[in-house]
Each structure stands twice: as C-alpha cells, then as structure tokens.
Amino acid sequence: MVGTAVGRSLPGDHLTVDDGLVVLSAVAAAGGYTYRADQNFIIITRNGEDYRADLMTSIQPDDIIRAYDRWLS
C-alpha cells in the first residue's frame, strides 16, 4: 500500500481502511518516511489512475500510495 521512501514497504503490506483514514495515517502505520523521502510529492493510484495527494488526502480501499526519494542538489 505504501512504497519506496517509507520505513516499511513490503509487497503485500495492507492497512484496513476506516472512515477518516488519510495519507498521513497510512504513512505513519508503515513506519514513517525515510530521511530521503520527498514528503511534498505523494502519488495515489486509485482505479488505475494516478493522482497527486497531500498528507490529508482521504484513502479508499485498494489505493496504492507512493512517496519517492527527493532529489539532492
């Protein structure tokens, strides 16, 4: 459910989606961001479509949340 720049992102990791679950809660449940994560660039895949999300975006069943490493300059 949550991947790449998050503390624990193993294939098959799933959270139970309750009313009010947001990206921030899902990331926290997955172990939080790594130190390299770009916390301002989150993508949710919902029904095969990618959407830009923020930390307060609501999560729906079967959503895939991706946070990527930030580019170092």
C-alpha atoms as a PDB file:
ATOM      1  CA  MET A   1       0.000   0.000   0.000  1.00  0.00           C
ATOM      2  CA  VAL A   2       2.758   2.456   0.826  1.00  0.00           C
ATOM      3  CA  GLY A   3       6.047   2.331  -1.005  1.00  0.00           C
ATOM      4  CA  THR A   4       9.583   3.440  -1.774  1.00  0.00           C
ATOM      5  CA  ALA A   5      10.552   6.258   0.630  1.00  0.00           C
ATOM      6  CA  VAL A   6       8.682   4.900   3.636  1.00  0.00           C
ATOM      7  CA  GLY A   7      10.107   2.944   6.557  1.00  0.00           C
ATOM      8  CA  ARG A   8       8.403  -0.371   5.790  1.00  0.00           C
ATOM      9  CA  SER A   9       7.193  -1.038   2.286  1.00  0.00           C
ATOM     10  CA  LEU A  10       6.958  -4.744   1.642  1.00  0.00           C
ATOM     11  CA  PRO A  11       4.895  -6.319  -1.114  1.00  0.00           C
ATOM     12  CA  GLY A  12       1.536  -7.271   0.310  1.00  0.00           C
ATOM     13  CA  ASP A  13       1.505  -4.702   3.126  1.00  0.00           C
ATOM     14  CA  HIS A  14      -2.091  -3.664   3.677  1.00  0.00           C
ATOM     15  CA  LEU A  15      -3.979  -1.474   6.110  1.00  0.00           C
ATOM     16  CA  THR A  16      -7.634  -1.689   6.988  1.00  0.00           C
ATOM     17  CA  VAL A  17      -9.295   1.399   5.553  1.00  0.00           C
ATOM     18  CA  ASP A  18     -11.601   3.004   8.096  1.00  0.00           C
ATOM     19  CA  ASP A  19     -13.589   6.193   7.674  1.00  0.00           C
ATOM     20  CA  GLY A  20     -11.258   9.121   8.027  1.00  0.00           C
ATOM     21  CA  LEU A  21      -8.001   7.322   7.155  1.00  0.00           C
ATOM     22  CA  VAL A  22      -5.689   9.799   5.432  1.00  0.00           C
ATOM     23  CA  VAL A  23      -2.264   9.551   3.780  1.00  0.00           C
ATOM     24  CA  LEU A  24      -0.544  10.774   6.960  1.00  0.00           C
ATOM     25  CA  SER A  25      -2.011   7.898   8.994  1.00  0.00           C
ATOM     26  CA  ALA A  26      -1.125   5.317   6.348  1.00  0.00           C
ATOM     27  CA  VAL A  27       2.480   6.534   6.153  1.00  0.00           C
ATOM     28  CA  ALA A  28       2.763   6.500   9.960  1.00  0.00           C
ATOM     29  CA  ALA A  29       1.391   2.929  10.098  1.00  0.00           C
ATOM     30  CA  ALA A  30       4.003   1.884   7.539  1.00  0.00           C
ATOM     31  CA  GLY A  31       6.856   3.160   9.689  1.00  0.00           C
ATOM     32  CA  GLY A  32       7.032   6.809   8.620  1.00  0.00           C
ATOM     33  CA  TYR A  33       9.114   8.446   5.937  1.00  0.00           C
ATOM     34  CA  THR A  34      12.781   7.675   5.401  1.00  0.00           C
ATOM     35  CA  TYR A  35      15.188  10.598   5.705  1.00  0.00           C
ATOM     36  CA  ARG A  36      15.378  10.794   1.904  1.00  0.00           C
ATOM     37  CA  ALA A  37      11.624  10.994   1.271  1.00  0.00           C
ATOM     38  CA  ASP A  38      10.065  13.904  -0.557  1.00  0.00           C
ATOM     39  CA  GLN A  39       7.104  14.454   1.749  1.00  0.00           C
ATOM     40  CA  ASN A  40       5.611  17.012  -0.637  1.00  0.00           C
ATOM     41  CA  PHE A  41       5.308  14.633  -3.590  1.00  0.00           C
ATOM     42  CA  ILE A  42       2.846  11.810  -2.912  1.00  0.00           C
ATOM     43  CA  ILE A  43       1.046   9.830  -5.602  1.00  0.00           C
ATOM     44  CA  ILE A  44      -2.081   7.738  -5.052  1.00  0.00           C
ATOM     45  CA  THR A  45      -3.093   5.164  -7.640  1.00  0.00           C
ATOM     46  CA  ARG A  46      -6.861   4.749  -7.489  1.00  0.00           C
ATOM     47  CA  ASN A  47      -8.781   2.653 -10.030  1.00  0.00           C
ATOM     48  CA  GLY A  48      -5.771   2.618 -12.351  1.00  0.00           C
ATOM     49  CA  GLU A  49      -5.358   6.423 -12.358  1.00  0.00           C
ATOM     50  CA  ASP A  50      -2.537   8.346 -10.652  1.00  0.00           C
ATOM     51  CA  TYR A  51      -3.386  11.396  -8.544  1.00  0.00           C
ATOM     52  CA  ARG A  52      -1.213  13.889  -6.710  1.00  0.00           C
ATOM     53  CA  ALA A  53      -2.055  13.815  -2.992  1.00  0.00           C
ATOM     54  CA  ASP A  54      -1.162  15.643   0.192  1.00  0.00           C
ATOM     55  CA  LEU A  55      -0.921  14.343   3.748  1.00  0.00           C
ATOM     56  CA  MET A  56      -4.622  14.926   4.445  1.00  0.00           C
ATOM     57  CA  THR A  57      -5.976  13.201   1.315  1.00  0.00           C
ATOM     58  CA  SER A  58      -8.537  10.512   2.215  1.00  0.00           C
ATOM     59  CA  ILE A  59      -7.652   6.908   1.471  1.00  0.00           C
ATOM     60  CA  GLN A  60     -10.069   4.486  -0.170  1.00  0.00           C
ATOM     61  CA  PRO A  61      -9.926   0.681  -0.335  1.00  0.00           C
ATOM     62  CA  ASP A  62      -7.379  -0.621  -2.876  1.00  0.00           C
ATOM     63  CA  ASP A  63      -5.498   2.711  -3.081  1.00  0.00           C
ATOM     64  CA  ILE A  64      -1.744   2.470  -3.607  1.00  0.00           C
ATOM     65  CA  ILE A  65       0.278   5.260  -2.000  1.00  0.00           C
ATOM     66  CA  ARG A  66       3.756   6.103  -3.286  1.00  0.00           C
ATOM     67  CA  ALA A  67       6.280   8.517  -1.817  1.00  0.00           C
ATOM     68  CA  TYR A  68       9.541   8.992  -3.673  1.00  0.00           C
ATOM     69  CA  ASP A  69      13.076   9.947  -2.742  1.00  0.00           C
ATOM     70  CA  ARG A  70      13.828  13.658  -3.063  1.00  0.00           C
ATOM     71  CA  TRP A  71      16.491  14.811  -5.453  1.00  0.00           C
ATOM     72  CA  LEU A  72      19.600  16.066  -3.706  1.00  0.00           C
ATOM     73  CA  SER A  73      21.228  19.179  -5.064  1.00  0.00           C
END
